[in-house]
Full PDB file with SEQRES, HELIX, SHEET, SSBOND, CRYST1, ORIGX, SCALE, CONECT and MASTER records, all heavy atoms in Angstrom:
SEQRES   1 A   41  ASP ILE SER PHE TYR ARG GLU ARG LYS LEU ARG LEU LEU          
SEQRES   2 A   41  ASN ALA VAL HIS THR ALA THR ALA PRO LEU ALA LEU LEU          
SEQRES   3 A   41  ALA GLY VAL ARG THR VAL ARG ASP ALA SER ALA HIS PRO          
SEQRES   4 A   41  ARG LEU                                                      
HELIX    1 AA1 SER A    3  LYS A    9  1                                   7    
HELIX    2 AA2 LEU A   10  ALA A   15  3                                   6    
HELIX    3 AA3 VAL A   16  LEU A   26  1                                  11    
HELIX    4 AA4 VAL A   32  ALA A   37  1                                   6    
CRYST1    1.000    1.000    1.000  90.00  90.00  90.00 P 1           1          
ORIGX1      1.000000  0.000000  0.000000        0.00000                         
ORIGX2      0.000000  1.000000  0.000000        0.00000                         
ORIGX3      0.000000  0.000000  1.000000        0.00000                         
SCALE1      1.000000  0.000000  0.000000        0.00000                         
SCALE2      0.000000  1.000000  0.000000        0.00000                         
SCALE3      0.000000  0.000000  1.000000        0.00000                         
ATOM      1  N   ASP A   1      17.371   5.658 -19.329  1.00  0.00           N  
ATOM      2  CA  ASP A   1      17.460   5.675 -17.935  1.00  0.00           C  
ATOM      3  C   ASP A   1      16.001   5.444 -17.366  1.00  0.00           C  
ATOM      4  O   ASP A   1      15.116   6.268 -17.497  1.00  0.00           O  
ATOM      5  CB  ASP A   1      18.030   6.897 -17.272  1.00  0.00           C  
ATOM      6  CG  ASP A   1      18.273   6.851 -15.815  1.00  0.00           C  
ATOM      7  OD1 ASP A   1      17.855   5.863 -15.104  1.00  0.00           O  
ATOM      8  OD2 ASP A   1      18.554   7.857 -15.308  1.00  0.00           O  
ATOM      9  N   ILE A   2      15.758   4.339 -16.628  1.00  0.00           N  
ATOM     10  CA  ILE A   2      14.378   4.118 -16.154  1.00  0.00           C  
ATOM     11  C   ILE A   2      14.332   4.379 -14.596  1.00  0.00           C  
ATOM     12  O   ILE A   2      13.374   3.876 -13.965  1.00  0.00           O  
ATOM     13  CB  ILE A   2      13.903   2.721 -16.428  1.00  0.00           C  
ATOM     14  CG1 ILE A   2      14.812   1.689 -15.855  1.00  0.00           C  
ATOM     15  CG2 ILE A   2      13.731   2.538 -17.995  1.00  0.00           C  
ATOM     16  CD1 ILE A   2      14.159   0.143 -15.903  1.00  0.00           C  
ATOM     17  N   SER A   3      15.325   5.007 -14.002  1.00  0.00           N  
ATOM     18  CA  SER A   3      15.377   5.085 -12.566  1.00  0.00           C  
ATOM     19  C   SER A   3      14.103   5.974 -12.069  1.00  0.00           C  
ATOM     20  O   SER A   3      13.638   5.611 -10.978  1.00  0.00           O  
ATOM     21  CB  SER A   3      16.640   5.806 -12.200  1.00  0.00           C  
ATOM     22  OG  SER A   3      16.789   7.051 -12.757  1.00  0.00           O  
ATOM     23  N   PHE A   4      13.606   6.924 -12.805  1.00  0.00           N  
ATOM     24  CA  PHE A   4      12.394   7.659 -12.466  1.00  0.00           C  
ATOM     25  C   PHE A   4      11.232   6.630 -12.306  1.00  0.00           C  
ATOM     26  O   PHE A   4      10.550   6.776 -11.330  1.00  0.00           O  
ATOM     27  CB  PHE A   4      12.028   8.689 -13.565  1.00  0.00           C  
ATOM     28  CG  PHE A   4      10.672   9.289 -13.497  1.00  0.00           C  
ATOM     29  CD1 PHE A   4      10.467  10.189 -12.503  1.00  0.00           C  
ATOM     30  CD2 PHE A   4       9.641   8.686 -14.155  1.00  0.00           C  
ATOM     31  CE1 PHE A   4       9.091  10.694 -12.366  1.00  0.00           C  
ATOM     32  CE2 PHE A   4       8.356   9.216 -14.101  1.00  0.00           C  
ATOM     33  CZ  PHE A   4       8.085  10.277 -13.222  1.00  0.00           C  
ATOM     34  N   TYR A   5      11.075   5.702 -13.227  1.00  0.00           N  
ATOM     35  CA  TYR A   5       9.891   4.799 -13.219  1.00  0.00           C  
ATOM     36  C   TYR A   5      10.099   3.748 -12.058  1.00  0.00           C  
ATOM     37  O   TYR A   5       9.156   3.457 -11.336  1.00  0.00           O  
ATOM     38  CB  TYR A   5       9.715   4.019 -14.450  1.00  0.00           C  
ATOM     39  CG  TYR A   5       9.489   5.064 -15.614  1.00  0.00           C  
ATOM     40  CD1 TYR A   5      10.558   5.467 -16.384  1.00  0.00           C  
ATOM     41  CD2 TYR A   5       8.284   5.641 -15.827  1.00  0.00           C  
ATOM     42  CE1 TYR A   5      10.433   6.345 -17.472  1.00  0.00           C  
ATOM     43  CE2 TYR A   5       8.135   6.527 -16.816  1.00  0.00           C  
ATOM     44  CZ  TYR A   5       9.219   6.896 -17.603  1.00  0.00           C  
ATOM     45  OH  TYR A   5       9.000   7.884 -18.647  1.00  0.00           O  
ATOM     46  N   ARG A   6      11.313   3.402 -11.791  1.00  0.00           N  
ATOM     47  CA  ARG A   6      11.705   2.472 -10.689  1.00  0.00           C  
ATOM     48  C   ARG A   6      11.372   3.188  -9.376  1.00  0.00           C  
ATOM     49  O   ARG A   6      10.783   2.650  -8.488  1.00  0.00           O  
ATOM     50  CB  ARG A   6      13.127   2.033 -10.765  1.00  0.00           C  
ATOM     51  CG  ARG A   6      13.474   1.000  -9.642  1.00  0.00           C  
ATOM     52  CD  ARG A   6      14.929   0.576  -9.805  1.00  0.00           C  
ATOM     53  NE  ARG A   6      15.196  -0.094 -10.971  1.00  0.00           N  
ATOM     54  CZ  ARG A   6      15.880   0.292 -12.007  1.00  0.00           C  
ATOM     55  NH1 ARG A   6      16.584   1.445 -11.863  1.00  0.00           N  
ATOM     56  NH2 ARG A   6      16.062  -0.474 -13.108  1.00  0.00           N  
ATOM     57  N   GLU A   7      11.799   4.349  -9.118  1.00  0.00           N  
ATOM     58  CA  GLU A   7      11.590   5.171  -7.923  1.00  0.00           C  
ATOM     59  C   GLU A   7      10.243   5.439  -7.718  1.00  0.00           C  
ATOM     60  O   GLU A   7       9.603   5.261  -6.615  1.00  0.00           O  
ATOM     61  CB  GLU A   7      12.470   6.477  -7.983  1.00  0.00           C  
ATOM     62  CG  GLU A   7      12.310   7.302  -6.711  1.00  0.00           C  
ATOM     63  CD  GLU A   7      13.044   6.707  -5.541  1.00  0.00           C  
ATOM     64  OE1 GLU A   7      13.732   5.629  -5.675  1.00  0.00           O  
ATOM     65  OE2 GLU A   7      12.953   7.234  -4.347  1.00  0.00           O  
ATOM     66  N   ARG A   8       9.496   5.834  -8.744  1.00  0.00           N  
ATOM     67  CA  ARG A   8       7.994   6.062  -8.612  1.00  0.00           C  
ATOM     68  C   ARG A   8       7.288   4.858  -8.204  1.00  0.00           C  
ATOM     69  O   ARG A   8       6.433   4.871  -7.273  1.00  0.00           O  
ATOM     70  CB  ARG A   8       7.536   6.591 -10.002  1.00  0.00           C  
ATOM     71  CG  ARG A   8       6.148   7.033 -10.073  1.00  0.00           C  
ATOM     72  CD  ARG A   8       5.705   7.391 -11.422  1.00  0.00           C  
ATOM     73  NE  ARG A   8       5.539   6.330 -12.310  1.00  0.00           N  
ATOM     74  CZ  ARG A   8       5.002   6.515 -13.536  1.00  0.00           C  
ATOM     75  NH1 ARG A   8       4.764   7.695 -13.967  1.00  0.00           N  
ATOM     76  NH2 ARG A   8       4.922   5.510 -14.426  1.00  0.00           N  
ATOM     77  N   LYS A   9       7.500   3.673  -8.726  1.00  0.00           N  
ATOM     78  CA  LYS A   9       6.853   2.436  -8.369  1.00  0.00           C  
ATOM     79  C   LYS A   9       7.184   2.071  -6.967  1.00  0.00           C  
ATOM     80  O   LYS A   9       6.357   1.727  -6.033  1.00  0.00           O  
ATOM     81  CB  LYS A   9       7.109   1.381  -9.340  1.00  0.00           C  
ATOM     82  CG  LYS A   9       6.390   0.050  -9.026  1.00  0.00           C  
ATOM     83  CD  LYS A   9       6.769  -1.077  -9.959  1.00  0.00           C  
ATOM     84  CE  LYS A   9       5.898  -2.343  -9.628  1.00  0.00           C  
ATOM     85  NZ  LYS A   9       6.794  -3.317  -8.741  1.00  0.00           N  
ATOM     86  N   LEU A  10       8.485   2.074  -6.661  1.00  0.00           N  
ATOM     87  CA  LEU A  10       8.985   1.641  -5.475  1.00  0.00           C  
ATOM     88  C   LEU A  10       8.472   2.419  -4.313  1.00  0.00           C  
ATOM     89  O   LEU A  10       8.100   1.888  -3.249  1.00  0.00           O  
ATOM     90  CB  LEU A  10      10.486   1.652  -5.445  1.00  0.00           C  
ATOM     91  CG  LEU A  10      11.296   1.171  -4.156  1.00  0.00           C  
ATOM     92  CD1 LEU A  10      11.081  -0.339  -4.091  1.00  0.00           C  
ATOM     93  CD2 LEU A  10      12.755   1.511  -4.301  1.00  0.00           C  
ATOM     94  N   ARG A  11       8.336   3.702  -4.459  1.00  0.00           N  
ATOM     95  CA  ARG A  11       7.882   4.579  -3.336  1.00  0.00           C  
ATOM     96  C   ARG A  11       6.401   4.719  -3.333  1.00  0.00           C  
ATOM     97  O   ARG A  11       5.775   4.605  -2.256  1.00  0.00           O  
ATOM     98  CB  ARG A  11       8.641   5.930  -3.543  1.00  0.00           C  
ATOM     99  CG  ARG A  11      10.049   5.910  -3.390  1.00  0.00           C  
ATOM    100  CD  ARG A  11      10.758   5.340  -2.207  1.00  0.00           C  
ATOM    101  NE  ARG A  11      12.121   5.193  -2.410  1.00  0.00           N  
ATOM    102  CZ  ARG A  11      12.788   4.199  -2.026  1.00  0.00           C  
ATOM    103  NH1 ARG A  11      12.336   3.187  -1.360  1.00  0.00           N  
ATOM    104  NH2 ARG A  11      14.172   4.181  -2.237  1.00  0.00           N  
ATOM    105  N   LEU A  12       5.823   5.124  -4.519  1.00  0.00           N  
ATOM    106  CA  LEU A  12       4.405   5.510  -4.455  1.00  0.00           C  
ATOM    107  C   LEU A  12       3.380   4.407  -4.610  1.00  0.00           C  
ATOM    108  O   LEU A  12       2.297   4.518  -4.226  1.00  0.00           O  
ATOM    109  CB  LEU A  12       4.180   6.500  -5.627  1.00  0.00           C  
ATOM    110  CG  LEU A  12       4.954   7.782  -5.739  1.00  0.00           C  
ATOM    111  CD1 LEU A  12       4.539   8.657  -6.792  1.00  0.00           C  
ATOM    112  CD2 LEU A  12       4.960   8.512  -4.325  1.00  0.00           C  
ATOM    113  N   LEU A  13       3.912   3.165  -5.005  1.00  0.00           N  
ATOM    114  CA  LEU A  13       3.030   2.003  -4.909  1.00  0.00           C  
ATOM    115  C   LEU A  13       3.487   1.008  -3.906  1.00  0.00           C  
ATOM    116  O   LEU A  13       2.811   0.692  -2.886  1.00  0.00           O  
ATOM    117  CB  LEU A  13       2.923   1.399  -6.279  1.00  0.00           C  
ATOM    118  CG  LEU A  13       1.885   0.212  -6.395  1.00  0.00           C  
ATOM    119  CD1 LEU A  13       1.246   0.300  -7.802  1.00  0.00           C  
ATOM    120  CD2 LEU A  13       2.440  -1.144  -6.211  1.00  0.00           C  
ATOM    121  N   ASN A  14       4.712   0.577  -4.028  1.00  0.00           N  
ATOM    122  CA  ASN A  14       5.229  -0.514  -3.123  1.00  0.00           C  
ATOM    123  C   ASN A  14       5.383  -0.007  -1.602  1.00  0.00           C  
ATOM    124  O   ASN A  14       5.120  -0.760  -0.613  1.00  0.00           O  
ATOM    125  CB  ASN A  14       6.580  -1.039  -3.562  1.00  0.00           C  
ATOM    126  CG  ASN A  14       6.529  -1.750  -5.010  1.00  0.00           C  
ATOM    127  OD1 ASN A  14       7.265  -1.490  -5.759  1.00  0.00           O  
ATOM    128  ND2 ASN A  14       5.403  -2.501  -5.180  1.00  0.00           N  
ATOM    129  N   ALA A  15       5.843   1.182  -1.418  1.00  0.00           N  
ATOM    130  CA  ALA A  15       5.926   1.591  -0.047  1.00  0.00           C  
ATOM    131  C   ALA A  15       4.663   1.744   0.648  1.00  0.00           C  
ATOM    132  O   ALA A  15       4.570   1.413   1.834  1.00  0.00           O  
ATOM    133  CB  ALA A  15       6.753   2.949  -0.028  1.00  0.00           C  
ATOM    134  N   VAL A  16       3.583   2.279  -0.040  1.00  0.00           N  
ATOM    135  CA  VAL A  16       2.293   2.371   0.575  1.00  0.00           C  
ATOM    136  C   VAL A  16       1.818   1.002   0.946  1.00  0.00           C  
ATOM    137  O   VAL A  16       1.256   0.725   2.031  1.00  0.00           O  
ATOM    138  CB  VAL A  16       1.290   3.068  -0.350  1.00  0.00           C  
ATOM    139  CG1 VAL A  16      -0.145   3.039   0.272  1.00  0.00           C  
ATOM    140  CG2 VAL A  16       1.825   4.498  -0.621  1.00  0.00           C  
ATOM    141  N   HIS A  17       2.025  -0.027   0.071  1.00  0.00           N  
ATOM    142  CA  HIS A  17       1.600  -1.442   0.318  1.00  0.00           C  
ATOM    143  C   HIS A  17       2.321  -1.887   1.573  1.00  0.00           C  
ATOM    144  O   HIS A  17       1.669  -2.417   2.550  1.00  0.00           O  
ATOM    145  CB  HIS A  17       2.035  -2.323  -0.896  1.00  0.00           C  
ATOM    146  CG  HIS A  17       0.924  -2.508  -1.912  1.00  0.00           C  
ATOM    147  ND1 HIS A  17       1.355  -2.900  -3.169  1.00  0.00           N  
ATOM    148  CD2 HIS A  17      -0.405  -2.396  -1.874  1.00  0.00           C  
ATOM    149  CE1 HIS A  17       0.138  -2.907  -3.885  1.00  0.00           C  
ATOM    150  NE2 HIS A  17      -0.759  -2.666  -3.103  1.00  0.00           N  
ATOM    151  N   THR A  18       3.563  -1.785   1.600  1.00  0.00           N  
ATOM    152  CA  THR A  18       4.422  -2.240   2.665  1.00  0.00           C  
ATOM    153  C   THR A  18       4.065  -1.650   4.002  1.00  0.00           C  
ATOM    154  O   THR A  18       3.997  -2.224   5.072  1.00  0.00           O  
ATOM    155  CB  THR A  18       5.906  -2.094   2.326  1.00  0.00           C  
ATOM    156  OG1 THR A  18       6.244  -2.800   1.092  1.00  0.00           O  
ATOM    157  CG2 THR A  18       6.822  -2.646   3.463  1.00  0.00           C  
ATOM    158  N   ALA A  19       3.905  -0.363   4.056  1.00  0.00           N  
ATOM    159  CA  ALA A  19       3.534   0.385   5.153  1.00  0.00           C  
ATOM    160  C   ALA A  19       2.152   0.178   5.685  1.00  0.00           C  
ATOM    161  O   ALA A  19       1.907   0.231   6.972  1.00  0.00           O  
ATOM    162  CB  ALA A  19       3.739   1.930   4.975  1.00  0.00           C  
ATOM    163  N   THR A  20       1.202  -0.165   4.799  1.00  0.00           N  
ATOM    164  CA  THR A  20      -0.060  -0.455   5.286  1.00  0.00           C  
ATOM    165  C   THR A  20      -0.362  -1.902   5.656  1.00  0.00           C  
ATOM    166  O   THR A  20      -1.384  -2.161   6.444  1.00  0.00           O  
ATOM    167  CB  THR A  20      -1.153  -0.010   4.110  1.00  0.00           C  
ATOM    168  OG1 THR A  20      -0.733   1.395   3.748  1.00  0.00           O  
ATOM    169  CG2 THR A  20      -2.505  -0.118   4.599  1.00  0.00           C  
ATOM    170  N   ALA A  21       0.355  -2.777   5.108  1.00  0.00           N  
ATOM    171  CA  ALA A  21       0.028  -4.207   5.256  1.00  0.00           C  
ATOM    172  C   ALA A  21      -0.049  -4.657   6.666  1.00  0.00           C  
ATOM    173  O   ALA A  21      -1.055  -5.327   7.084  1.00  0.00           O  
ATOM    174  CB  ALA A  21       1.142  -5.084   4.583  1.00  0.00           C  
ATOM    175  N   PRO A  22       0.858  -4.355   7.652  1.00  0.00           N  
ATOM    176  CA  PRO A  22       0.660  -4.796   9.068  1.00  0.00           C  
ATOM    177  C   PRO A  22      -0.535  -4.220   9.681  1.00  0.00           C  
ATOM    178  O   PRO A  22      -1.209  -4.871  10.454  1.00  0.00           O  
ATOM    179  CB  PRO A  22       2.020  -4.397   9.701  1.00  0.00           C  
ATOM    180  CG  PRO A  22       2.697  -3.439   8.809  1.00  0.00           C  
ATOM    181  CD  PRO A  22       2.178  -3.618   7.403  1.00  0.00           C  
ATOM    182  N   LEU A  23      -0.823  -2.997   9.427  1.00  0.00           N  
ATOM    183  CA  LEU A  23      -2.008  -2.316  10.015  1.00  0.00           C  
ATOM    184  C   LEU A  23      -3.232  -2.920   9.543  1.00  0.00           C  
ATOM    185  O   LEU A  23      -4.145  -3.177  10.201  1.00  0.00           O  
ATOM    186  CB  LEU A  23      -1.925  -0.808   9.756  1.00  0.00           C  
ATOM    187  CG  LEU A  23      -0.614  -0.117  10.283  1.00  0.00           C  
ATOM    188  CD1 LEU A  23      -0.528   1.272   9.904  1.00  0.00           C  
ATOM    189  CD2 LEU A  23      -0.536  -0.247  11.782  1.00  0.00           C  
ATOM    190  N   ALA A  24      -3.356  -3.160   8.168  1.00  0.00           N  
ATOM    191  CA  ALA A  24      -4.459  -3.770   7.621  1.00  0.00           C  
ATOM    192  C   ALA A  24      -4.717  -5.135   8.193  1.00  0.00           C  
ATOM    193  O   ALA A  24      -5.924  -5.585   8.489  1.00  0.00           O  
ATOM    194  CB  ALA A  24      -4.405  -3.808   6.127  1.00  0.00           C  
ATOM    195  N   LEU A  25      -3.765  -5.889   8.316  1.00  0.00           N  
ATOM    196  CA  LEU A  25      -3.816  -7.308   8.842  1.00  0.00           C  
ATOM    197  C   LEU A  25      -4.306  -7.209  10.351  1.00  0.00           C  
ATOM    198  O   LEU A  25      -5.210  -7.976  10.647  1.00  0.00           O  
ATOM    199  CB  LEU A  25      -2.514  -8.054   8.717  1.00  0.00           C  
ATOM    200  CG  LEU A  25      -2.129  -8.468   7.325  1.00  0.00           C  
ATOM    201  CD1 LEU A  25      -0.785  -8.938   7.283  1.00  0.00           C  
ATOM    202  CD2 LEU A  25      -3.068  -9.446   6.739  1.00  0.00           C  
ATOM    203  N   LEU A  26      -3.710  -6.345  11.140  1.00  0.00           N  
ATOM    204  CA  LEU A  26      -4.260  -6.108  12.474  1.00  0.00           C  
ATOM    205  C   LEU A  26      -5.619  -5.822  12.575  1.00  0.00           C  
ATOM    206  O   LEU A  26      -6.382  -6.088  13.506  1.00  0.00           O  
ATOM    207  CB  LEU A  26      -3.394  -5.068  13.219  1.00  0.00           C  
ATOM    208  CG  LEU A  26      -1.928  -5.586  13.649  1.00  0.00           C  
ATOM    209  CD1 LEU A  26      -1.049  -4.373  14.111  1.00  0.00           C  
ATOM    210  CD2 LEU A  26      -2.050  -6.619  14.690  1.00  0.00           C  
ATOM    211  N   ALA A  27      -6.039  -4.897  11.569  1.00  0.00           N  
ATOM    212  CA  ALA A  27      -7.540  -4.514  11.599  1.00  0.00           C  
ATOM    213  C   ALA A  27      -8.531  -5.598  10.928  1.00  0.00           C  
ATOM    214  O   ALA A  27      -9.715  -5.356  10.989  1.00  0.00           O  
ATOM    215  CB  ALA A  27      -7.639  -3.219  10.751  1.00  0.00           C  
ATOM    216  N   GLY A  28      -7.926  -6.708  10.520  1.00  0.00           N  
ATOM    217  CA  GLY A  28      -8.723  -7.749   9.957  1.00  0.00           C  
ATOM    218  C   GLY A  28      -9.328  -7.371   8.595  1.00  0.00           C  
ATOM    219  O   GLY A  28     -10.220  -8.022   8.061  1.00  0.00           O  
ATOM    220  N   VAL A  29      -8.591  -6.510   7.803  1.00  0.00           N  
ATOM    221  CA  VAL A  29      -8.974  -6.137   6.465  1.00  0.00           C  
ATOM    222  C   VAL A  29      -8.168  -7.078   5.420  1.00  0.00           C  
ATOM    223  O   VAL A  29      -6.979  -7.121   5.467  1.00  0.00           O  
ATOM    224  CB  VAL A  29      -8.647  -4.742   6.193  1.00  0.00           C  
ATOM    225  CG1 VAL A  29      -8.957  -4.312   4.771  1.00  0.00           C  
ATOM    226  CG2 VAL A  29      -9.477  -3.912   7.172  1.00  0.00           C  
ATOM    227  N   ARG A  30      -8.874  -7.747   4.616  1.00  0.00           N  
ATOM    228  CA  ARG A  30      -8.257  -8.900   3.817  1.00  0.00           C  
ATOM    229  C   ARG A  30      -7.576  -8.317   2.549  1.00  0.00           C  
ATOM    230  O   ARG A  30      -6.467  -8.821   2.078  1.00  0.00           O  
ATOM    231  CB  ARG A  30      -9.319  -9.847   3.403  1.00  0.00           C  
ATOM    232  CG  ARG A  30      -8.774 -11.035   2.721  1.00  0.00           C  
ATOM    233  CD  ARG A  30      -9.831 -12.152   2.417  1.00  0.00           C  
ATOM    234  NE  ARG A  30     -10.660 -11.727   1.387  1.00  0.00           N  
ATOM    235  CZ  ARG A  30     -10.514 -11.873   0.068  1.00  0.00           C  
ATOM    236  NH1 ARG A  30      -9.311 -12.298  -0.360  1.00  0.00           N  
ATOM    237  NH2 ARG A  30     -11.363 -11.391  -0.837  1.00  0.00           N  
ATOM    238  N   THR A  31      -8.218  -7.336   1.846  1.00  0.00           N  
ATOM    239  CA  THR A  31      -7.700  -6.919   0.562  1.00  0.00           C  
ATOM    240  C   THR A  31      -7.380  -5.466   0.531  1.00  0.00           C  
ATOM    241  O   THR A  31      -7.869  -4.608   1.325  1.00  0.00           O  
ATOM    242  CB  THR A  31      -8.598  -7.243  -0.624  1.00  0.00           C  
ATOM    243  OG1 THR A  31      -9.781  -6.353  -0.382  1.00  0.00           O  
ATOM    244  CG2 THR A  31      -9.041  -8.640  -0.693  1.00  0.00           C  
ATOM    245  N   VAL A  32      -6.537  -5.022  -0.424  1.00  0.00           N  
ATOM    246  CA  VAL A  32      -6.232  -3.695  -0.609  1.00  0.00           C  
ATOM    247  C   VAL A  32      -7.444  -2.932  -0.977  1.00  0.00           C  
ATOM    248  O   VAL A  32      -7.604  -1.771  -0.573  1.00  0.00           O  
ATOM    249  CB  VAL A  32      -5.124  -3.459  -1.690  1.00  0.00           C  
ATOM    250  CG1 VAL A  32      -4.798  -2.042  -2.112  1.00  0.00           C  
ATOM    251  CG2 VAL A  32      -3.876  -4.178  -1.332  1.00  0.00           C  
ATOM    252  N   ARG A  33      -8.358  -3.478  -1.818  1.00  0.00           N  
ATOM    253  CA  ARG A  33      -9.638  -2.861  -2.245  1.00  0.00           C  
ATOM    254  C   ARG A  33     -10.402  -2.471  -1.038  1.00  0.00           C  
ATOM    255  O   ARG A  33     -10.891  -1.466  -0.761  1.00  0.00           O  
ATOM    256  CB  ARG A  33     -10.338  -3.688  -3.151  1.00  0.00           C  
ATOM    257  CG  ARG A  33     -11.678  -3.140  -3.487  1.00  0.00           C  
ATOM    258  CD  ARG A  33     -12.579  -4.137  -4.198  1.00  0.00           C  
ATOM    259  NE  ARG A  33     -12.857  -5.331  -3.615  1.00  0.00           N  
ATOM    260  CZ  ARG A  33     -12.398  -6.548  -3.869  1.00  0.00           C  
ATOM    261  NH1 ARG A  33     -11.664  -6.745  -4.889  1.00  0.00           N  
ATOM    262  NH2 ARG A  33     -12.667  -7.656  -3.115  1.00  0.00           N  
ATOM    263  N   ASP A  34     -10.457  -3.474  -0.017  1.00  0.00           N  
ATOM    264  CA  ASP A  34     -11.269  -3.283   1.178  1.00  0.00           C  
ATOM    265  C   ASP A  34     -10.683  -2.142   1.991  1.00  0.00           C  
ATOM    266  O   ASP A  34     -11.300  -1.393   2.664  1.00  0.00           O  
ATOM    267  CB  ASP A  34     -11.359  -4.575   2.069  1.00  0.00           C  
ATOM    268  CG  ASP A  34     -12.167  -5.756   1.349  1.00  0.00           C  
ATOM    269  OD1 ASP A  34     -12.953  -5.367   0.394  1.00  0.00           O  
ATOM    270  OD2 ASP A  34     -12.005  -6.852   1.629  1.00  0.00           O  
ATOM    271  N   ALA A  35      -9.276  -2.069   2.074  1.00  0.00           N  
ATOM    272  CA  ALA A  35      -8.586  -1.101   2.825  1.00  0.00           C  
ATOM    273  C   ALA A  35      -8.886   0.295   2.198  1.00  0.00           C  
ATOM    274  O   ALA A  35      -9.024   1.292   2.872  1.00  0.00           O  
ATOM    275  CB  ALA A  35      -7.189  -1.304   2.884  1.00  0.00           C  
ATOM    276  N   SER A  36      -8.975   0.467   0.905  1.00  0.00           N  
ATOM    277  CA  SER A  36      -9.297   1.592   0.157  1.00  0.00           C  
ATOM    278  C   SER A  36     -10.581   2.194   0.665  1.00  0.00           C  
ATOM    279  O   SER A  36     -10.760   3.412   0.749  1.00  0.00           O  
ATOM    280  CB  SER A  36      -9.268   1.390  -1.312  1.00  0.00           C  
ATOM    281  OG  SER A  36      -7.969   1.082  -1.792  1.00  0.00           O  
ATOM    282  N   ALA A  37     -11.541   1.363   0.965  1.00  0.00           N  
ATOM    283  CA  ALA A  37     -12.988   1.745   1.311  1.00  0.00           C  
ATOM    284  C   ALA A  37     -13.068   1.891   2.749  1.00  0.00           C  
ATOM    285  O   ALA A  37     -14.110   2.373   3.220  1.00  0.00           O  
ATOM    286  CB  ALA A  37     -13.964   0.759   0.707  1.00  0.00           C  
ATOM    287  N   HIS A  38     -12.108   1.410   3.566  1.00  0.00           N  
ATOM    288  CA  HIS A  38     -12.204   1.449   5.039  1.00  0.00           C  
ATOM    289  C   HIS A  38     -12.101   2.858   5.552  1.00  0.00           C  
ATOM    290  O   HIS A  38     -11.365   3.639   5.072  1.00  0.00           O  
ATOM    291  CB  HIS A  38     -10.918   0.594   5.562  1.00  0.00           C  
ATOM    292  CG  HIS A  38     -10.985   0.307   7.009  1.00  0.00           C  
ATOM    293  ND1 HIS A  38     -10.621   1.200   8.011  1.00  0.00           N  
ATOM    294  CD2 HIS A  38     -11.518  -0.741   7.659  1.00  0.00           C  
ATOM    295  CE1 HIS A  38     -10.757   0.704   9.218  1.00  0.00           C  
ATOM    296  NE2 HIS A  38     -11.317  -0.576   9.024  1.00  0.00           N  
ATOM    297  N   PRO A  39     -12.921   3.186   6.514  1.00  0.00           N  
ATOM    298  CA  PRO A  39     -12.975   4.554   7.002  1.00  0.00           C  
ATOM    299  C   PRO A  39     -11.673   5.056   7.622  1.00  0.00           C  
ATOM    300  O   PRO A  39     -11.428   6.327   7.658  1.00  0.00           O  
ATOM    301  CB  PRO A  39     -14.101   4.589   8.162  1.00  0.00           C  
ATOM    302  CG  PRO A  39     -14.264   3.071   8.524  1.00  0.00           C  
ATOM    303  CD  PRO A  39     -13.824   2.290   7.220  1.00  0.00           C  
ATOM    304  N   ARG A  40     -10.747   4.166   8.099  1.00  0.00           N  
ATOM    305  CA  ARG A  40      -9.527   4.662   8.581  1.00  0.00           C  
ATOM    306  C   ARG A  40      -8.318   4.315   7.708  1.00  0.00           C  
ATOM    307  O   ARG A  40      -7.395   5.231   7.494  1.00  0.00           O  
ATOM    308  CB  ARG A  40      -9.237   4.099  10.006  1.00  0.00           C  
ATOM    309  CG  ARG A  40     -10.222   4.595  11.029  1.00  0.00           C  
ATOM    310  CD  ARG A  40      -9.615   4.626  12.389  1.00  0.00           C  
ATOM    311  NE  ARG A  40     -10.557   5.334  13.312  1.00  0.00           N  
ATOM    312  CZ  ARG A  40     -10.952   4.836  14.459  1.00  0.00           C  
ATOM    313  NH1 ARG A  40     -10.511   3.641  14.809  1.00  0.00           N  
ATOM    314  NH2 ARG A  40     -11.745   5.527  15.207  1.00  0.00           N  
ATOM    315  N   LEU A  41      -8.334   3.221   7.146  1.00  0.00           N  
ATOM    316  CA  LEU A  41      -7.124   2.756   6.365  1.00  0.00           C  
ATOM    317  C   LEU A  41      -7.115   3.523   4.951  1.00  0.00           C  
ATOM    318  O   LEU A  41      -6.076   3.836   4.434  1.00  0.00           O  
ATOM    319  CB  LEU A  41      -7.141   1.318   6.090  1.00  0.00           C  
ATOM    320  CG  LEU A  41      -6.793   0.419   7.337  1.00  0.00           C  
ATOM    321  CD1 LEU A  41      -7.080  -1.112   6.995  1.00  0.00           C  
ATOM    322  CD2 LEU A  41      -5.436   0.645   7.669  1.00  0.00           C  
TER     323      LEU A  41                                                      
MASTER        0    0    0    4    0    0    0    6  322    1    0    4          
END                                                                             
C-alpha cells in the first residue's frame, strides 16, 4: 500500500507548491528557490 507516500507527497510537497504559486507570482518571484530565500515567502 503506497497511500502513505502518495498522501505525503500530495500534501507536504504539492500542496505547498500550489498554495504558494499565486502569491509568489504576484510578488514577482520567479522560482521556488527564490521564494525559499524571500523574507516573506
